[in-house]
Amino acid sequence: MVNLNPLLRDVSDFQPMLCDQLFIISDFRLDVDSPFPIPEREVLAQRPEPLEYPQNHPKYRFYGNNIKRMIDVANSWEEGDKKEALILTIANHMKKSYLNWNKDTVEDEAIFGHLLELSDGKINLRNSDEDLSNASDLLKTKKKFSNNHPKKNFKGKHNNNKKRY
């Protein structure tokens, strides 16, 4: 087994691992005195405990869980220009997430209401004179094709679809 996998020699405890593999391959029917403890079949066949995933069901699923975390961070900051900029960035991101989910237009008042609710009433932009980014600006995507196609400017010989051998 070591000759087939010489890289196992670099592993610190390769000999007990090889003995374990030998017993597993023989289906534990090998009757040999081992210098290492023989693994138990029941321990190897035992299923691991299932992982507990966080069960987080936000009210507005289209915003995602990170928006709630960002709102909590914004609530922990001191009042000032940085906090106001962060809150507006969060609101714009909320609008973008909403538009990705809904594809229609959304009023800023709806985003401000959701922000007020998600922040437990701590962030209120309803009476502010701030406007969020336009929906068309938030949904802009990169052009997939450009007018400057690389083959148009090719000055070498054209192959004219001839086969190469």
C-alpha atoms as a PDB file:
ATOM      1  CA  MET A   1       0.000   0.000   0.000  1.00  0.00           C
ATOM      2  CA  VAL A   2       2.894   2.340   0.709  1.00  0.00           C
ATOM      3  CA  ASN A   3       4.467   1.478  -2.631  1.00  0.00           C
ATOM      4  CA  LEU A   4       1.259   2.467  -4.412  1.00  0.00           C
ATOM      5  CA  ASN A   5       1.010   5.769  -2.501  1.00  0.00           C
ATOM      6  CA  PRO A   6       4.534   6.916  -1.610  1.00  0.00           C
ATOM      7  CA  LEU A   7       3.220  10.352  -0.663  1.00  0.00           C
ATOM      8  CA  LEU A   8       1.646   8.824   2.428  1.00  0.00           C
ATOM      9  CA  ARG A   9       5.074   8.710   4.005  1.00  0.00           C
ATOM     10  CA  ASP A  10       4.903  12.480   4.371  1.00  0.00           C
ATOM     11  CA  VAL A  11       1.859  12.163   6.628  1.00  0.00           C
ATOM     12  CA  SER A  12       2.836  12.012  10.296  1.00  0.00           C
ATOM     13  CA  ASP A  13       0.654   9.031  11.314  1.00  0.00           C
ATOM     14  CA  PHE A  14       0.552   7.067   8.074  1.00  0.00           C
ATOM     15  CA  GLN A  15       1.203   3.640   9.634  1.00  0.00           C
ATOM     16  CA  PRO A  16      -1.934   3.544  11.822  1.00  0.00           C
ATOM     17  CA  MET A  17      -3.896   4.870   8.874  1.00  0.00           C
ATOM     18  CA  LEU A  18      -2.598   2.062   6.635  1.00  0.00           C
ATOM     19  CA  CYS A  19      -3.469  -0.564   9.245  1.00  0.00           C
ATOM     20  CA  ASP A  20      -6.986   0.885   9.521  1.00  0.00           C
ATOM     21  CA  GLN A  21      -7.359   0.788   5.741  1.00  0.00           C
ATOM     22  CA  LEU A  22      -6.172  -2.833   5.681  1.00  0.00           C
ATOM     23  CA  PHE A  23      -8.858  -3.868   8.173  1.00  0.00           C
ATOM     24  CA  ILE A  24     -11.535  -1.917   6.315  1.00  0.00           C
ATOM     25  CA  ILE A  25     -10.564  -3.510   2.979  1.00  0.00           C
ATOM     26  CA  SER A  26     -10.709  -6.997   4.511  1.00  0.00           C
ATOM     27  CA  ASP A  27     -14.169  -6.202   5.947  1.00  0.00           C
ATOM     28  CA  PHE A  28     -12.733  -6.764   9.442  1.00  0.00           C
ATOM     29  CA  ARG A  29     -12.184 -10.483   8.744  1.00  0.00           C
ATOM     30  CA  LEU A  30      -8.402 -10.271   8.920  1.00  0.00           C
ATOM     31  CA  ASP A  31      -7.078 -12.090  11.990  1.00  0.00           C
ATOM     32  CA  VAL A  32      -3.737 -10.359  12.570  1.00  0.00           C
ATOM     33  CA  ASP A  33      -2.004  -8.924  15.595  1.00  0.00           C
ATOM     34  CA  SER A  34      -1.805  -5.234  14.861  1.00  0.00           C
ATOM     35  CA  PRO A  35       0.656  -2.844  16.510  1.00  0.00           C
ATOM     36  CA  PHE A  36      -2.150  -0.283  16.525  1.00  0.00           C
ATOM     37  CA  PRO A  37      -5.709  -0.496  17.878  1.00  0.00           C
ATOM     38  CA  ILE A  38      -8.163  -2.062  15.440  1.00  0.00           C
ATOM     39  CA  PRO A  39     -10.948   0.311  14.389  1.00  0.00           C
ATOM     40  CA  GLU A  40     -14.459  -0.709  15.337  1.00  0.00           C
ATOM     41  CA  ARG A  41     -16.944  -1.350  12.563  1.00  0.00           C
ATOM     42  CA  GLU A  42     -19.759   0.365  14.452  1.00  0.00           C
ATOM     43  CA  VAL A  43     -17.735   3.543  14.891  1.00  0.00           C
ATOM     44  CA  LEU A  44     -16.899   3.679  11.193  1.00  0.00           C
ATOM     45  CA  ALA A  45     -20.468   2.940  10.115  1.00  0.00           C
ATOM     46  CA  GLN A  46     -21.937   5.542  12.449  1.00  0.00           C
ATOM     47  CA  ARG A  47     -23.546   8.498  10.718  1.00  0.00           C
ATOM     48  CA  PRO A  48     -22.397  11.950  11.778  1.00  0.00           C
ATOM     49  CA  GLU A  49     -24.751  14.234  13.624  1.00  0.00           C
ATOM     50  CA  PRO A  50     -26.614  16.577  11.270  1.00  0.00           C
ATOM     51  CA  LEU A  51     -25.387  20.138  11.243  1.00  0.00           C
ATOM     52  CA  GLU A  52     -27.637  22.750  12.708  1.00  0.00           C
ATOM     53  CA  TYR A  53     -28.126  25.480  10.167  1.00  0.00           C
ATOM     54  CA  PRO A  54     -29.272  28.876  11.351  1.00  0.00           C
ATOM     55  CA  GLN A  55     -32.977  29.146  10.763  1.00  0.00           C
ATOM     56  CA  ASN A  56     -33.308  32.763   9.842  1.00  0.00           C
ATOM     57  CA  HIS A  57     -36.554  33.652   8.121  1.00  0.00           C
ATOM     58  CA  PRO A  58     -36.534  37.380   7.476  1.00  0.00           C
ATOM     59  CA  LYS A  59     -39.815  39.162   6.898  1.00  0.00           C
ATOM     60  CA  TYR A  60     -38.582  40.682   3.647  1.00  0.00           C
ATOM     61  CA  ARG A  61     -36.704  37.831   2.044  1.00  0.00           C
ATOM     62  CA  PHE A  62     -35.817  39.782  -1.075  1.00  0.00           C
ATOM     63  CA  TYR A  63     -33.463  41.987   0.953  1.00  0.00           C
ATOM     64  CA  GLY A  64     -31.524  39.044   2.334  1.00  0.00           C
ATOM     65  CA  ASN A  65     -29.991  38.527   5.760  1.00  0.00           C
ATOM     66  CA  ASN A  66     -27.040  40.856   5.233  1.00  0.00           C
ATOM     67  CA  ILE A  67     -29.285  43.935   5.067  1.00  0.00           C
ATOM     68  CA  LYS A  68     -30.470  43.273   8.620  1.00  0.00           C
ATOM     69  CA  ARG A  69     -26.855  42.959   9.754  1.00  0.00           C
ATOM     70  CA  MET A  70     -25.925  46.213   8.024  1.00  0.00           C
ATOM     71  CA  ILE A  71     -28.874  47.977   9.668  1.00  0.00           C
ATOM     72  CA  ASP A  72     -27.759  46.691  13.075  1.00  0.00           C
ATOM     73  CA  VAL A  73     -24.250  48.010  12.428  1.00  0.00           C
ATOM     74  CA  ALA A  74     -25.653  51.382  11.359  1.00  0.00           C
ATOM     75  CA  ASN A  75     -27.681  51.531  14.574  1.00  0.00           C
ATOM     76  CA  SER A  76     -24.530  50.975  16.634  1.00  0.00           C
ATOM     77  CA  TRP A  77     -22.636  53.901  15.031  1.00  0.00           C
ATOM     78  CA  GLU A  78     -22.556  57.386  16.504  1.00  0.00           C
ATOM     79  CA  GLU A  79     -24.638  60.092  14.846  1.00  0.00           C
ATOM     80  CA  GLY A  80     -22.808  61.933  12.091  1.00  0.00           C
ATOM     81  CA  ASP A  81     -22.102  62.181   8.392  1.00  0.00           C
ATOM     82  CA  LYS A  82     -20.688  58.669   8.114  1.00  0.00           C
ATOM     83  CA  LYS A  83     -23.787  57.134   9.665  1.00  0.00           C
ATOM     84  CA  GLU A  84     -26.062  59.128   7.364  1.00  0.00           C
ATOM     85  CA  ALA A  85     -24.020  58.032   4.332  1.00  0.00           C
ATOM     86  CA  LEU A  86     -24.192  54.411   5.481  1.00  0.00           C
ATOM     87  CA  ILE A  87     -27.952  54.615   5.967  1.00  0.00           C
ATOM     88  CA  LEU A  88     -28.435  56.051   2.469  1.00  0.00           C
ATOM     89  CA  THR A  89     -26.186  53.354   1.015  1.00  0.00           C
ATOM     90  CA  ILE A  90     -28.233  50.697   2.808  1.00  0.00           C
ATOM     91  CA  ALA A  91     -31.469  52.247   1.521  1.00  0.00           C
ATOM     92  CA  ASN A  92     -30.147  52.299  -2.062  1.00  0.00           C
ATOM     93  CA  HIS A  93     -29.046  48.677  -1.729  1.00  0.00           C
ATOM     94  CA  MET A  94     -32.487  47.772  -0.402  1.00  0.00           C
ATOM     95  CA  LYS A  95     -34.067  49.464  -3.415  1.00  0.00           C
ATOM     96  CA  LYS A  96     -31.764  47.566  -5.766  1.00  0.00           C
ATOM     97  CA  SER A  97     -32.573  44.246  -4.075  1.00  0.00           C
ATOM     98  CA  TYR A  98     -36.280  45.015  -4.237  1.00  0.00           C
ATOM     99  CA  LEU A  99     -36.026  45.859  -7.941  1.00  0.00           C
ATOM    100  CA  ASN A 100     -34.135  42.646  -8.670  1.00  0.00           C
ATOM    101  CA  TRP A 101     -36.970  40.732  -7.070  1.00  0.00           C
ATOM    102  CA  ASN A 102     -39.908  42.760  -8.337  1.00  0.00           C
ATOM    103  CA  LYS A 103     -38.687  44.241 -11.679  1.00  0.00           C
ATOM    104  CA  ASP A 104     -41.276  47.028 -11.349  1.00  0.00           C
ATOM    105  CA  THR A 105     -40.720  50.462  -9.994  1.00  0.00           C
ATOM    106  CA  VAL A 106     -40.711  50.953  -6.267  1.00  0.00           C
ATOM    107  CA  GLU A 107     -41.423  54.133  -4.380  1.00  0.00           C
ATOM    108  CA  ASP A 108     -38.816  55.457  -1.996  1.00  0.00           C
ATOM    109  CA  GLU A 109     -41.511  55.650   0.692  1.00  0.00           C
ATOM    110  CA  ALA A 110     -41.898  51.862   0.609  1.00  0.00           C
ATOM    111  CA  ILE A 111     -38.140  51.404   1.102  1.00  0.00           C
ATOM    112  CA  PHE A 112     -38.166  53.973   3.932  1.00  0.00           C
ATOM    113  CA  GLY A 113     -41.043  52.090   5.580  1.00  0.00           C
ATOM    114  CA  HIS A 114     -39.217  48.762   5.339  1.00  0.00           C
ATOM    115  CA  LEU A 115     -36.049  50.392   6.703  1.00  0.00           C
ATOM    116  CA  LEU A 116     -38.000  51.824   9.634  1.00  0.00           C
ATOM    117  CA  GLU A 117     -39.499  48.429  10.369  1.00  0.00           C
ATOM    118  CA  LEU A 118     -36.245  46.471  10.036  1.00  0.00           C
ATOM    119  CA  SER A 119     -34.408  48.938  12.279  1.00  0.00           C
ATOM    120  CA  ASP A 120     -37.085  48.631  14.986  1.00  0.00           C
ATOM    121  CA  GLY A 121     -38.019  52.299  14.539  1.00  0.00           C
ATOM    122  CA  LYS A 122     -34.482  53.643  14.980  1.00  0.00           C
ATOM    123  CA  ILE A 123     -33.871  54.744  11.374  1.00  0.00           C
ATOM    124  CA  ASN A 124     -36.597  57.002  10.011  1.00  0.00           C
ATOM    125  CA  LEU A 125     -36.070  58.517   6.569  1.00  0.00           C
ATOM    126  CA  ARG A 126     -39.755  59.152   5.846  1.00  0.00           C
ATOM    127  CA  ASN A 127     -39.557  62.850   6.682  1.00  0.00           C
ATOM    128  CA  SER A 128     -36.146  63.406   5.105  1.00  0.00           C
ATOM    129  CA  ASP A 129     -35.636  65.259   1.838  1.00  0.00           C
ATOM    130  CA  GLU A 130     -33.239  62.588   0.561  1.00  0.00           C
ATOM    131  CA  ASP A 131     -34.035  60.792  -2.678  1.00  0.00           C
ATOM    132  CA  LEU A 132     -32.714  57.372  -3.529  1.00  0.00           C
ATOM    133  CA  SER A 133     -31.105  56.499  -6.851  1.00  0.00           C
ATOM    134  CA  ASN A 134     -33.314  56.071  -9.884  1.00  0.00           C
ATOM    135  CA  ALA A 135     -34.462  52.571 -10.664  1.00  0.00           C
ATOM    136  CA  SER A 136     -32.946  52.737 -14.138  1.00  0.00           C
ATOM    137  CA  ASP A 137     -29.536  53.617 -12.676  1.00  0.00           C
ATOM    138  CA  LEU A 138     -29.700  50.735 -10.209  1.00  0.00           C
ATOM    139  CA  LEU A 139     -30.632  48.162 -12.836  1.00  0.00           C
ATOM    140  CA  LYS A 140     -28.057  49.146 -15.442  1.00  0.00           C
ATOM    141  CA  THR A 141     -25.992  46.240 -16.687  1.00  0.00           C
ATOM    142  CA  LYS A 142     -22.835  46.054 -18.727  1.00  0.00           C
ATOM    143  CA  LYS A 143     -23.132  45.769 -22.477  1.00  0.00           C
ATOM    144  CA  LYS A 144     -22.566  42.215 -23.541  1.00  0.00           C
ATOM    145  CA  PHE A 145     -21.361  43.162 -27.004  1.00  0.00           C
ATOM    146  CA  SER A 146     -19.446  46.176 -28.126  1.00  0.00           C
ATOM    147  CA  ASN A 147     -19.035  47.764 -31.542  1.00  0.00           C
ATOM    148  CA  ASN A 148     -15.297  47.155 -31.405  1.00  0.00           C
ATOM    149  CA  HIS A 149     -15.362  43.499 -32.285  1.00  0.00           C
ATOM    150  CA  PRO A 150     -11.784  42.104 -32.298  1.00  0.00           C
ATOM    151  CA  LYS A 151     -12.194  40.319 -35.645  1.00  0.00           C
ATOM    152  CA  LYS A 152     -13.231  43.521 -37.435  1.00  0.00           C
ATOM    153  CA  ASN A 153      -9.822  45.035 -36.841  1.00  0.00           C
ATOM    154  CA  PHE A 154      -7.945  41.853 -37.749  1.00  0.00           C
ATOM    155  CA  LYS A 155      -5.346  42.659 -40.418  1.00  0.00           C
ATOM    156  CA  GLY A 156      -3.836  39.226 -40.928  1.00  0.00           C
ATOM    157  CA  LYS A 157      -4.788  36.593 -43.455  1.00  0.00           C
ATOM    158  CA  HIS A 158      -8.305  35.290 -43.237  1.00  0.00           C
ATOM    159  CA  ASN A 159      -8.742  31.566 -43.032  1.00  0.00           C
ATOM    160  CA  ASN A 160     -11.952  31.472 -45.112  1.00  0.00           C
ATOM    161  CA  ASN A 161     -13.128  28.417 -43.167  1.00  0.00           C
ATOM    162  CA  LYS A 162     -10.439  26.131 -44.566  1.00  0.00           C
ATOM    163  CA  LYS A 163      -9.625  23.041 -42.563  1.00  0.00           C
ATOM    164  CA  ARG A 164      -6.212  22.693 -41.048  1.00  0.00           C
ATOM    165  CA  TYR A 165      -4.512  19.318 -40.875  1.00  0.00           C
END
